Amino acid sequence: MGHAHESNKKRIWIVLAILTIITTVEVVLGIIKPASLHLHGWGTSWLNWIFIILTIAKAYYIAWAFMHLEGEKTWFRRSIVWTGVFLISYLLFIVLIEGDYLYETLAPLVKW
């Protein structure tokens, strides 16, 4: 008749541990700011790329765990995940590649 209640304590602790590790790495890198990572990569420094990648990974895992995407049909998961990946990638492209357009255009005209 009724559903047997499963304990999700182990799953909750695993989610907490993974999110804590990712957040700790972000905070430690934000405090230390290693000079070796300030070298410029594609559009910004490697340190910024690490922050971007860790933040996207954390957002994906939060959606996976707390929006219960792991239990959904494959096509539905892909439609949510790939839409987010596309929009975030497009935003990163616009911000990192085209973000200094006004500075480059107005640099000869404006004293910064």
PDB file of N, CA and C in Angstrom:
ATOM      1  N   MET A   1       0.819  -1.187   0.000  1.00  0.00           N
ATOM      2  CA  MET A   1       0.000   0.000   0.000  1.00  0.00           C
ATOM      3  C   MET A   1       0.867   1.256   0.000  1.00  0.00           C
ATOM      4  N   GLY A   2       1.598   1.487   1.076  1.00  0.00           N
ATOM      5  CA  GLY A   2       2.425   2.687   1.168  1.00  0.00           C
ATOM      6  C   GLY A   2       3.819   2.429   0.610  1.00  0.00           C
ATOM      7  N   HIS A   3       4.469   3.496   0.304  1.00  0.00           N
ATOM      8  CA  HIS A   3       5.840   3.376  -0.177  1.00  0.00           C
ATOM      9  C   HIS A   3       6.780   3.269   1.006  1.00  0.00           C
ATOM     10  N   ALA A   4       7.768   2.420   0.867  1.00  0.00           N
ATOM     11  CA  ALA A   4       8.781   2.325   1.912  1.00  0.00           C
ATOM     12  C   ALA A   4       9.667   3.572   1.834  1.00  0.00           C
ATOM     13  N   HIS A   5       9.890   4.182   2.958  1.00  0.00           N
ATOM     14  CA  HIS A   5      10.682   5.411   3.000  1.00  0.00           C
ATOM     15  C   HIS A   5      12.163   5.061   2.994  1.00  0.00           C
ATOM     16  N   GLU A   6      12.853   5.578   1.996  1.00  0.00           N
ATOM     17  CA  GLU A   6      14.288   5.361   1.928  1.00  0.00           C
ATOM     18  C   GLU A   6      14.999   6.531   2.571  1.00  0.00           C
ATOM     19  N   SER A   7      16.032   6.224   3.300  1.00  0.00           N
ATOM     20  CA  SER A   7      16.810   7.276   3.926  1.00  0.00           C
ATOM     21  C   SER A   7      17.796   7.838   2.914  1.00  0.00           C
ATOM     22  N   ASN A   8      17.821   9.139   2.788  1.00  0.00           N
ATOM     23  CA  ASN A   8      18.729   9.797   1.862  1.00  0.00           C
ATOM     24  C   ASN A   8      19.902  10.434   2.585  1.00  0.00           C
ATOM     25  N   LYS A   9      20.165  10.005   3.806  1.00  0.00           N
ATOM     26  CA  LYS A   9      21.239  10.620   4.588  1.00  0.00           C
ATOM     27  C   LYS A   9      22.591  10.489   3.888  1.00  0.00           C
ATOM     28  N   LYS A  10      22.882   9.324   3.349  1.00  0.00           N
ATOM     29  CA  LYS A  10      24.169   9.120   2.688  1.00  0.00           C
ATOM     30  C   LYS A  10      24.289  10.027   1.470  1.00  0.00           C
ATOM     31  N   ARG A  11      23.250  10.125   0.686  1.00  0.00           N
ATOM     32  CA  ARG A  11      23.254  10.978  -0.511  1.00  0.00           C
ATOM     33  C   ARG A  11      23.434  12.442  -0.130  1.00  0.00           C
ATOM     34  N   ILE A  12      22.752  12.877   0.923  1.00  0.00           N
ATOM     35  CA  ILE A  12      22.869  14.264   1.377  1.00  0.00           C
ATOM     36  C   ILE A  12      24.297  14.563   1.811  1.00  0.00           C
ATOM     37  N   TRP A  13      24.916  13.646   2.530  1.00  0.00           N
ATOM     38  CA  TRP A  13      26.300  13.865   2.963  1.00  0.00           C
ATOM     39  C   TRP A  13      27.262  13.889   1.786  1.00  0.00           C
ATOM     40  N   ILE A  14      27.025  13.059   0.780  1.00  0.00           N
ATOM     41  CA  ILE A  14      27.893  13.061  -0.415  1.00  0.00           C
ATOM     42  C   ILE A  14      27.755  14.379  -1.163  1.00  0.00           C
ATOM     43  N   VAL A  15      26.521  14.849  -1.342  1.00  0.00           N
ATOM     44  CA  VAL A  15      26.297  16.136  -2.012  1.00  0.00           C
ATOM     45  C   VAL A  15      26.966  17.250  -1.228  1.00  0.00           C
ATOM     46  N   LEU A  16      26.792  17.245   0.085  1.00  0.00           N
ATOM     47  CA  LEU A  16      27.419  18.265   0.929  1.00  0.00           C
ATOM     48  C   LEU A  16      28.936  18.226   0.794  1.00  0.00           C
ATOM     49  N   ALA A  17      29.519  17.033   0.795  1.00  0.00           N
ATOM     50  CA  ALA A  17      30.978  16.905   0.694  1.00  0.00           C
ATOM     51  C   ALA A  17      31.485  17.432  -0.644  1.00  0.00           C
ATOM     52  N   ILE A  18      30.828  17.064  -1.736  1.00  0.00           N
ATOM     53  CA  ILE A  18      31.277  17.508  -3.065  1.00  0.00           C
ATOM     54  C   ILE A  18      31.174  19.018  -3.196  1.00  0.00           C
ATOM     55  N   LEU A  19      30.044  19.597  -2.786  1.00  0.00           N
ATOM     56  CA  LEU A  19      29.873  21.048  -2.885  1.00  0.00           C
ATOM     57  C   LEU A  19      30.835  21.780  -1.950  1.00  0.00           C
ATOM     58  N   THR A  20      31.121  21.200  -0.785  1.00  0.00           N
ATOM     59  CA  THR A  20      32.073  21.813   0.144  1.00  0.00           C
ATOM     60  C   THR A  20      33.475  21.799  -0.433  1.00  0.00           C
ATOM     61  N   ILE A  21      33.867  20.708  -1.058  1.00  0.00           N
ATOM     62  CA  ILE A  21      35.208  20.623  -1.653  1.00  0.00           C
ATOM     63  C   ILE A  21      35.363  21.651  -2.769  1.00  0.00           C
ATOM     64  N   ILE A  22      34.387  21.730  -3.662  1.00  0.00           N
ATOM     65  CA  ILE A  22      34.472  22.696  -4.764  1.00  0.00           C
ATOM     66  C   ILE A  22      34.512  24.120  -4.221  1.00  0.00           C
ATOM     67  N   THR A  23      33.676  24.427  -3.254  1.00  0.00           N
ATOM     68  CA  THR A  23      33.651  25.771  -2.674  1.00  0.00           C
ATOM     69  C   THR A  23      34.956  26.083  -1.957  1.00  0.00           C
ATOM     70  N   THR A  24      35.511  25.113  -1.237  1.00  0.00           N
ATOM     71  CA  THR A  24      36.782  25.316  -0.537  1.00  0.00           C
ATOM     72  C   THR A  24      37.903  25.612  -1.522  1.00  0.00           C
ATOM     73  N   VAL A  25      37.947  24.889  -2.623  1.00  0.00           N
ATOM     74  CA  VAL A  25      38.965  25.146  -3.652  1.00  0.00           C
ATOM     75  C   VAL A  25      38.804  26.561  -4.205  1.00  0.00           C
ATOM     76  N   GLU A  26      37.568  26.972  -4.463  1.00  0.00           N
ATOM     77  CA  GLU A  26      37.321  28.330  -4.968  1.00  0.00           C
ATOM     78  C   GLU A  26      37.776  29.384  -3.966  1.00  0.00           C
ATOM     79  N   VAL A  27      37.434  29.199  -2.698  1.00  0.00           N
ATOM     80  CA  VAL A  27      37.794  30.181  -1.674  1.00  0.00           C
ATOM     81  C   VAL A  27      39.307  30.237  -1.484  1.00  0.00           C
ATOM     82  N   VAL A  28      39.963  29.082  -1.422  1.00  0.00           N
ATOM     83  CA  VAL A  28      41.417  29.051  -1.245  1.00  0.00           C
ATOM     84  C   VAL A  28      42.113  29.722  -2.424  1.00  0.00           C
ATOM     85  N   LEU A  29      41.687  29.417  -3.639  1.00  0.00           N
ATOM     86  CA  LEU A  29      42.285  30.072  -4.807  1.00  0.00           C
ATOM     87  C   LEU A  29      42.000  31.569  -4.801  1.00  0.00           C
ATOM     88  N   GLY A  30      40.832  31.976  -4.325  1.00  0.00           N
ATOM     89  CA  GLY A  30      40.499  33.392  -4.253  1.00  0.00           C
ATOM     90  C   GLY A  30      41.331  34.130  -3.220  1.00  0.00           C
ATOM     91  N   ILE A  31      41.703  33.459  -2.147  1.00  0.00           N
ATOM     92  CA  ILE A  31      42.521  34.083  -1.112  1.00  0.00           C
ATOM     93  C   ILE A  31      43.990  34.101  -1.515  1.00  0.00           C
ATOM     94  N   ILE A  32      44.494  32.980  -1.994  1.00  0.00           N
ATOM     95  CA  ILE A  32      45.918  32.860  -2.327  1.00  0.00           C
ATOM     96  C   ILE A  32      46.257  33.577  -3.634  1.00  0.00           C
ATOM     97  N   LYS A  33      45.403  33.438  -4.638  1.00  0.00           N
ATOM     98  CA  LYS A  33      45.621  33.999  -5.973  1.00  0.00           C
ATOM     99  C   LYS A  33      47.039  33.713  -6.476  1.00  0.00           C
ATOM    100  N   PRO A  34      47.334  32.458  -6.794  1.00  0.00           N
ATOM    101  CA  PRO A  34      48.690  32.098  -7.223  1.00  0.00           C
ATOM    102  C   PRO A  34      49.135  32.911  -8.436  1.00  0.00           C
ATOM    103  N   ALA A  35      50.339  33.447  -8.361  1.00  0.00           N
ATOM    104  CA  ALA A  35      50.863  34.281  -9.445  1.00  0.00           C
ATOM    105  C   ALA A  35      50.998  33.494 -10.749  1.00  0.00           C
ATOM    106  N   SER A  36      51.258  32.195 -10.638  1.00  0.00           N
ATOM    107  CA  SER A  36      51.414  31.382 -11.845  1.00  0.00           C
ATOM    108  C   SER A  36      50.121  31.271 -12.637  1.00  0.00           C
ATOM    109  N   LEU A  37      48.976  31.508 -11.991  1.00  0.00           N
ATOM    110  CA  LEU A  37      47.690  31.410 -12.679  1.00  0.00           C
ATOM    111  C   LEU A  37      47.196  32.750 -13.212  1.00  0.00           C
ATOM    112  N   HIS A  38      47.980  33.809 -13.006  1.00  0.00           N
ATOM    113  CA  HIS A  38      47.585  35.116 -13.523  1.00  0.00           C
ATOM    114  C   HIS A  38      48.006  35.309 -14.980  1.00  0.00           C
ATOM    115  N   LEU A  39      48.663  34.302 -15.553  1.00  0.00           N
ATOM    116  CA  LEU A  39      49.026  34.371 -16.967  1.00  0.00           C
ATOM    117  C   LEU A  39      47.752  34.329 -17.784  1.00  0.00           C
ATOM    118  N   HIS A  40      47.751  35.048 -18.867  1.00  0.00           N
ATOM    119  CA  HIS A  40      46.514  35.138 -19.641  1.00  0.00           C
ATOM    120  C   HIS A  40      46.309  33.923 -20.524  1.00  0.00           C
ATOM    121  N   GLY A  41      45.116  33.388 -20.413  1.00  0.00           N
ATOM    122  CA  GLY A  41      44.675  32.303 -21.270  1.00  0.00           C
ATOM    123  C   GLY A  41      43.847  32.907 -22.385  1.00  0.00           C
ATOM    124  N   TRP A  42      42.820  32.206 -22.784  1.00  0.00           N
ATOM    125  CA  TRP A  42      41.959  32.655 -23.882  1.00  0.00           C
ATOM    126  C   TRP A  42      40.973  33.677 -23.360  1.00  0.00           C
ATOM    127  N   GLY A  43      41.242  34.953 -23.509  1.00  0.00           N
ATOM    128  CA  GLY A  43      40.327  36.009 -23.117  1.00  0.00           C
ATOM    129  C   GLY A  43      40.491  36.516 -21.701  1.00  0.00           C
ATOM    130  N   THR A  44      41.024  35.713 -20.794  1.00  0.00           N
ATOM    131  CA  THR A  44      41.206  36.121 -19.404  1.00  0.00           C
ATOM    132  C   THR A  44      42.282  35.249 -18.774  1.00  0.00           C
ATOM    133  N   SER A  45      42.569  35.475 -17.495  1.00  0.00           N
ATOM    134  CA  SER A  45      43.631  34.707 -16.837  1.00  0.00           C
ATOM    135  C   SER A  45      43.179  33.271 -16.566  1.00  0.00           C
ATOM    136  N   TRP A  46      44.157  32.401 -16.387  1.00  0.00           N
ATOM    137  CA  TRP A  46      43.843  31.000 -16.099  1.00  0.00           C
ATOM    138  C   TRP A  46      43.111  30.875 -14.772  1.00  0.00           C
ATOM    139  N   LEU A  47      43.397  31.757 -13.815  1.00  0.00           N
ATOM    140  CA  LEU A  47      42.687  31.729 -12.534  1.00  0.00           C
ATOM    141  C   LEU A  47      41.192  31.977 -12.740  1.00  0.00           C
ATOM    142  N   ASN A  48      40.861  32.931 -13.594  1.00  0.00           N
ATOM    143  CA  ASN A  48      39.445  33.184 -13.889  1.00  0.00           C
ATOM    144  C   ASN A  48      38.795  31.988 -14.573  1.00  0.00           C
ATOM    145  N   TRP A  49      39.529  31.331 -15.481  1.00  0.00           N
ATOM    146  CA  TRP A  49      38.984  30.142 -16.140  1.00  0.00           C
ATOM    147  C   TRP A  49      38.704  29.040 -15.124  1.00  0.00           C
ATOM    148  N   ILE A  50      39.589  28.889 -14.141  1.00  0.00           N
ATOM    149  CA  ILE A  50      39.365  27.874 -13.100  1.00  0.00           C
ATOM    150  C   ILE A  50      38.101  28.205 -12.320  1.00  0.00           C
ATOM    151  N   PHE A  51      37.912  29.495 -11.972  1.00  0.00           N
ATOM    152  CA  PHE A  51      36.700  29.900 -11.261  1.00  0.00           C
ATOM    153  C   PHE A  51      35.450  29.642 -12.102  1.00  0.00           C
ATOM    154  N   ILE A  52      35.521  29.959 -13.380  1.00  0.00           N
ATOM    155  CA  ILE A  52      34.374  29.753 -14.266  1.00  0.00           C
ATOM    156  C   ILE A  52      34.017  28.274 -14.350  1.00  0.00           C
ATOM    157  N   ILE A  53      35.010  27.429 -14.541  1.00  0.00           N
ATOM    158  CA  ILE A  53      34.778  25.985 -14.669  1.00  0.00           C
ATOM    159  C   ILE A  53      34.240  25.398 -13.367  1.00  0.00           C
ATOM    160  N   LEU A  54      34.825  25.783 -12.234  1.00  0.00           N
ATOM    161  CA  LEU A  54      34.342  25.267 -10.948  1.00  0.00           C
ATOM    162  C   LEU A  54      32.918  25.736 -10.655  1.00  0.00           C
ATOM    163  N   THR A  55      32.610  26.975 -11.012  1.00  0.00           N
ATOM    164  CA  THR A  55      31.263  27.490 -10.773  1.00  0.00           C
ATOM    165  C   THR A  55      30.235  26.763 -11.637  1.00  0.00           C
ATOM    166  N   ILE A  56      30.580  26.513 -12.893  1.00  0.00           N
ATOM    167  CA  ILE A  56      29.668  25.776 -13.764  1.00  0.00           C
ATOM    168  C   ILE A  56      29.488  24.341 -13.268  1.00  0.00           C
ATOM    169  N   ALA A  57      30.588  23.716 -12.830  1.00  0.00           N
ATOM    170  CA  ALA A  57      30.494  22.352 -12.297  1.00  0.00           C
ATOM    171  C   ALA A  57      29.607  22.321 -11.052  1.00  0.00           C
ATOM    172  N   LYS A  58      29.755  23.319 -10.194  1.00  0.00           N
ATOM    173  CA  LYS A  58      28.933  23.370  -8.986  1.00  0.00           C
ATOM    174  C   LYS A  58      27.460  23.603  -9.339  1.00  0.00           C
ATOM    175  N   ALA A  59      27.192  24.483 -10.279  1.00  0.00           N
ATOM    176  CA  ALA A  59      25.812  24.742 -10.701  1.00  0.00           C
ATOM    177  C   ALA A  59      25.194  23.487 -11.310  1.00  0.00           C
ATOM    178  N   TYR A  60      25.960  22.777 -12.118  1.00  0.00           N
ATOM    179  CA  TYR A  60      25.471  21.542 -12.726  1.00  0.00           C
ATOM    180  C   TYR A  60      25.144  20.511 -11.644  1.00  0.00           C
ATOM    181  N   TYR A  61      26.028  20.368 -10.678  1.00  0.00           N
ATOM    182  CA  TYR A  61      25.801  19.377  -9.632  1.00  0.00           C
ATOM    183  C   TYR A  61      24.615  19.754  -8.753  1.00  0.00           C
ATOM    184  N   ILE A  62      24.445  21.043  -8.485  1.00  0.00           N
ATOM    185  CA  ILE A  62      23.287  21.489  -7.708  1.00  0.00           C
ATOM    186  C   ILE A  62      21.997  21.156  -8.453  1.00  0.00           C
ATOM    187  N   ALA A  63      21.969  21.425  -9.750  1.00  0.00           N
ATOM    188  CA  ALA A  63      20.785  21.086 -10.550  1.00  0.00           C
ATOM    189  C   ALA A  63      20.572  19.577 -10.582  1.00  0.00           C
ATOM    190  N   TRP A  64      21.656  18.830 -10.722  1.00  0.00           N
ATOM    191  CA  TRP A  64      21.572  17.373 -10.786  1.00  0.00           C
ATOM    192  C   TRP A  64      21.021  16.804  -9.481  1.00  0.00           C
ATOM    193  N   ALA A  65      21.484  17.325  -8.345  1.00  0.00           N
ATOM    194  CA  ALA A  65      21.102  16.755  -7.054  1.00  0.00           C
ATOM    195  C   ALA A  65      19.783  17.324  -6.536  1.00  0.00           C
ATOM    196  N   PHE A  66      19.636  18.647  -6.555  1.00  0.00           N
ATOM    197  CA  PHE A  66      18.489  19.258  -5.898  1.00  0.00           C
ATOM    198  C   PHE A  66      17.278  19.421  -6.803  1.00  0.00           C
ATOM    199  N   MET A  67      17.488  19.403  -8.117  1.00  0.00           N
ATOM    200  CA  MET A  67      16.349  19.432  -9.040  1.00  0.00           C
ATOM    201  C   MET A  67      16.006  18.014  -9.499  1.00  0.00           C
ATOM    202  N   HIS A  68      16.692  17.031  -8.931  1.00  0.00           N
ATOM    203  CA  HIS A  68      16.431  15.610  -9.174  1.00  0.00           C
ATOM    204  C   HIS A  68      16.529  15.239 -10.654  1.00  0.00           C
ATOM    205  N   LEU A  69      17.499  15.811 -11.337  1.00  0.00           N
ATOM    206  CA  LEU A  69      17.649  15.503 -12.764  1.00  0.00           C
ATOM    207  C   LEU A  69      18.138  14.086 -13.011  1.00  0.00           C
ATOM    208  N   GLU A  70      18.809  13.482 -12.037  1.00  0.00           N
ATOM    209  CA  GLU A  70      19.316  12.132 -12.261  1.00  0.00           C
ATOM    210  C   GLU A  70      18.191  11.123 -12.436  1.00  0.00           C
ATOM    211  N   GLY A  71      16.992  11.447 -11.983  1.00  0.00           N
ATOM    212  CA  GLY A  71      15.874  10.522 -12.111  1.00  0.00           C
ATOM    213  C   GLY A  71      14.987  10.785 -13.316  1.00  0.00           C
ATOM    214  N   GLU A  72      15.330  11.780 -14.105  1.00  0.00           N
ATOM    215  CA  GLU A  72      14.503  12.150 -15.258  1.00  0.00           C
ATOM    216  C   GLU A  72      14.912  11.369 -16.504  1.00  0.00           C
ATOM    217  N   LYS A  73      14.082  11.479 -17.525  1.00  0.00           N
ATOM    218  CA  LYS A  73      14.388  10.825 -18.798  1.00  0.00           C
ATOM    219  C   LYS A  73      15.589  11.508 -19.446  1.00  0.00           C
ATOM    220  N   THR A  74      16.318  10.755 -20.246  1.00  0.00           N
ATOM    221  CA  THR A  74      17.558  11.244 -20.850  1.00  0.00           C
ATOM    222  C   THR A  74      17.333  12.474 -21.705  1.00  0.00           C
ATOM    223  N   TRP A  75      16.315  12.480 -22.525  1.00  0.00           N
ATOM    224  CA  TRP A  75      16.082  13.629 -23.415  1.00  0.00           C
ATOM    225  C   TRP A  75      15.779  14.885 -22.627  1.00  0.00           C
ATOM    226  N   PHE A  76      15.081  14.743 -21.487  1.00  0.00           N
ATOM    227  CA  PHE A  76      14.747  15.900 -20.665  1.00  0.00           C
ATOM    228  C   PHE A  76      15.998  16.457 -19.986  1.00  0.00           C
ATOM    229  N   ARG A  77      16.833  15.553 -19.461  1.00  0.00           N
ATOM    230  CA  ARG A  77      18.102  15.981 -18.845  1.00  0.00           C
ATOM    231  C   ARG A  77      18.961  16.719 -19.850  1.00  0.00           C
ATOM    232  N   ARG A  78      19.080  16.143 -21.040  1.00  0.00           N
ATOM    233  CA  ARG A  78      19.922  16.766 -22.063  1.00  0.00           C
ATOM    234  C   ARG A  78      19.375  18.117 -22.497  1.00  0.00           C
ATOM    235  N   SER A  79      18.064  18.240 -22.600  1.00  0.00           N
ATOM    236  CA  SER A  79      17.491  19.515 -23.022  1.00  0.00           C
ATOM    237  C   SER A  79      17.777  20.606 -21.989  1.00  0.00           C
ATOM    238  N   ILE A  80      17.755  20.267 -20.725  1.00  0.00           N
ATOM    239  CA  ILE A  80      18.063  21.255 -19.686  1.00  0.00           C
ATOM    240  C   ILE A  80      19.552  21.551 -19.652  1.00  0.00           C
ATOM    241  N   VAL A  81      20.370  20.518 -19.627  1.00  0.00           N
ATOM    242  CA  VAL A  81      21.815  20.702 -19.483  1.00  0.00           C
ATOM    243  C   VAL A  81      22.413  21.383 -20.700  1.00  0.00           C
ATOM    244  N   TRP A  82      22.082  20.928 -21.898  1.00  0.00           N
ATOM    245  CA  TRP A  82      22.695  21.503 -23.092  1.00  0.00           C
ATOM    246  C   TRP A  82      22.219  22.924 -23.375  1.00  0.00           C
ATOM    247  N   THR A  83      20.998  23.254 -22.983  1.00  0.00           N
ATOM    248  CA  THR A  83      20.546  24.635 -23.113  1.00  0.00           C
ATOM    249  C   THR A  83      21.371  25.538 -22.203  1.00  0.00           C
ATOM    250  N   GLY A  84      21.574  25.108 -20.973  1.00  0.00           N
ATOM    251  CA  GLY A  84      22.412  25.878 -20.052  1.00  0.00           C
ATOM    252  C   GLY A  84      23.839  25.989 -20.513  1.00  0.00           C
ATOM    253  N   VAL A  85      24.406  24.891 -21.007  1.00  0.00           N
ATOM    254  CA  VAL A  85      25.784  24.909 -21.510  1.00  0.00           C
ATOM    255  C   VAL A  85      25.913  25.883 -22.682  1.00  0.00           C
ATOM    256  N   PHE A  86      24.958  25.847 -23.595  1.00  0.00           N
ATOM    257  CA  PHE A  86      25.003  26.750 -24.739  1.00  0.00           C
ATOM    258  C   PHE A  86      24.908  28.207 -24.295  1.00  0.00           C
ATOM    259  N   LEU A  87      23.947  28.515 -23.425  1.00  0.00           N
ATOM    260  CA  LEU A  87      23.757  29.907 -23.005  1.00  0.00           C
ATOM    261  C   LEU A  87      24.942  30.427 -22.199  1.00  0.00           C
ATOM    262  N   ILE A  88      25.497  29.612 -21.317  1.00  0.00           N
ATOM    263  CA  ILE A  88      26.664  30.036 -20.534  1.00  0.00           C
ATOM    264  C   ILE A  88      27.874  30.212 -21.441  1.00  0.00           C
ATOM    265  N   SER A  89      28.067  29.297 -22.386  1.00  0.00           N
ATOM    266  CA  SER A  89      29.190  29.417 -23.322  1.00  0.00           C
ATOM    267  C   SER A  89      29.067  30.675 -24.173  1.00  0.00           C
ATOM    268  N   TYR A  90      27.867  30.959 -24.637  1.00  0.00           N
ATOM    269  CA  TYR A  90      27.636  32.156 -25.438  1.00  0.00           C
ATOM    270  C   TYR A  90      27.902  33.419 -24.624  1.00  0.00           C
ATOM    271  N   LEU A  91      27.423  33.455 -23.383  1.00  0.00           N
ATOM    272  CA  LEU A  91      27.666  34.601 -22.514  1.00  0.00           C
ATOM    273  C   LEU A  91      29.154  34.782 -22.257  1.00  0.00           C
ATOM    274  N   LEU A  92      29.872  33.693 -21.993  1.00  0.00           N
ATOM    275  CA  LEU A  92      31.322  33.782 -21.778  1.00  0.00           C
ATOM    276  C   LEU A  92      32.023  34.305 -23.018  1.00  0.00           C
ATOM    277  N   PHE A  93      31.623  33.828 -24.180  1.00  0.00           N
ATOM    278  CA  PHE A  93      32.221  34.299 -25.427  1.00  0.00           C
ATOM    279  C   PHE A  93      32.021  35.798 -25.588  1.00  0.00           C
ATOM    280  N   ILE A  94      30.802  36.257 -25.390  1.00  0.00           N
ATOM    281  CA  ILE A  94      30.495  37.681 -25.552  1.00  0.00           C
ATOM    282  C   ILE A  94      31.277  38.513 -24.552  1.00  0.00           C
ATOM    283  N   VAL A  95      31.283  38.111 -23.293  1.00  0.00           N
ATOM    284  CA  VAL A  95      31.941  38.903 -22.252  1.00  0.00           C
ATOM    285  C   VAL A  95      33.458  38.901 -22.430  1.00  0.00           C
ATOM    286  N   LEU A  96      34.045  37.737 -22.696  1.00  0.00           N
ATOM    287  CA  LEU A  96      35.501  37.650 -22.744  1.00  0.00           C
ATOM    288  C   LEU A  96      36.095  38.171 -24.048  1.00  0.00           C
ATOM    289  N   ILE A  97      35.422  37.970 -25.144  1.00  0.00           N
ATOM    290  CA  ILE A  97      35.982  38.371 -26.433  1.00  0.00           C
ATOM    291  C   ILE A  97      35.576  39.791 -26.801  1.00  0.00           C
ATOM    292  N   GLU A  98      34.331  40.133 -26.596  1.00  0.00           N
ATOM    293  CA  GLU A  98      33.834  41.437 -27.027  1.00  0.00           C
ATOM    294  C   GLU A  98      33.720  42.452 -25.890  1.00  0.00           C
ATOM    295  N   GLY A  99      34.100  42.070 -24.679  1.00  0.00           N
ATOM    296  CA  GLY A  99      33.903  42.921 -23.522  1.00  0.00           C
ATOM    297  C   GLY A  99      34.689  44.212 -23.517  1.00  0.00           C
ATOM    298  N   ASP A 100      35.815  44.247 -24.207  1.00  0.00           N
ATOM    299  CA  ASP A 100      36.635  45.463 -24.207  1.00  0.00           C
ATOM    300  C   ASP A 100      36.432  46.303 -25.470  1.00  0.00           C
ATOM    301  N   TYR A 101      35.349  46.080 -26.169  1.00  0.00           N
ATOM    302  CA  TYR A 101      35.085  46.796 -27.412  1.00  0.00           C
ATOM    303  C   TYR A 101      35.033  48.311 -27.199  1.00  0.00           C
ATOM    304  N   LEU A 102      34.298  48.758 -26.196  1.00  0.00           N
ATOM    305  CA  LEU A 102      34.183  50.199 -25.958  1.00  0.00           C
ATOM    306  C   LEU A 102      35.531  50.808 -25.606  1.00  0.00           C
ATOM    307  N   TYR A 103      36.312  50.091 -24.802  1.00  0.00           N
ATOM    308  CA  TYR A 103      37.633  50.605 -24.445  1.00  0.00           C
ATOM    309  C   TYR A 103      38.507  50.747 -25.684  1.00  0.00           C
ATOM    310  N   GLU A 104      38.521  49.718 -26.531  1.00  0.00           N
ATOM    311  CA  GLU A 104      39.341  49.771 -27.745  1.00  0.00           C
ATOM    312  C   GLU A 104      38.847  50.850 -28.706  1.00  0.00           C
ATOM    313  N   THR A 105      37.543  51.030 -28.787  1.00  0.00           N
ATOM    314  CA  THR A 105      36.971  52.009 -29.710  1.00  0.00           C
ATOM    315  C   THR A 105      37.183  53.440 -29.227  1.00  0.00           C
ATOM    316  N   LEU A 106      37.004  53.655 -27.927  1.00  0.00           N
ATOM    317  CA  LEU A 106      37.066  55.012 -27.395  1.00  0.00           C
ATOM    318  C   LEU A 106      38.440  55.390 -26.846  1.00  0.00           C
ATOM    319  N   ALA A 107      39.393  54.470 -26.800  1.00  0.00           N
ATOM    320  CA  ALA A 107      40.714  54.745 -26.222  1.00  0.00           C
ATOM    321  C   ALA A 107      41.389  55.966 -26.847  1.00  0.00           C
ATOM    322  N   PRO A 108      41.353  56.139 -28.172  1.00  0.00           N
ATOM    323  CA  PRO A 108      42.006  57.331 -28.725  1.00  0.00           C
ATOM    324  C   PRO A 108      41.279  58.619 -28.386  1.00  0.00           C
ATOM    325  N   LEU A 109      40.019  58.532 -28.027  1.00  0.00           N
ATOM    326  CA  LEU A 109      39.201  59.731 -27.811  1.00  0.00           C
ATOM    327  C   LEU A 109      39.055  60.145 -26.356  1.00  0.00           C
ATOM    328  N   VAL A 110      39.184  59.191 -25.436  1.00  0.00           N
ATOM    329  CA  VAL A 110      38.897  59.447 -24.026  1.00  0.00           C
ATOM    330  C   VAL A 110      40.155  59.228 -23.208  1.00  0.00           C
ATOM    331  N   LYS A 111      40.408  60.132 -22.277  1.00  0.00           N
ATOM    332  CA  LYS A 111      41.525  59.930 -21.353  1.00  0.00           C
ATOM    333  C   LYS A 111      40.982  59.101 -20.188  1.00  0.00           C
ATOM    334  N   TRP A 112      41.474  57.895 -20.019  1.00  0.00           N
ATOM    335  CA  TRP A 112      40.954  56.974 -19.011  1.00  0.00           C
ATOM    336  C   TRP A 112      41.550  57.300 -17.676  1.00  0.00           C
TER     337      TRP A 112
END
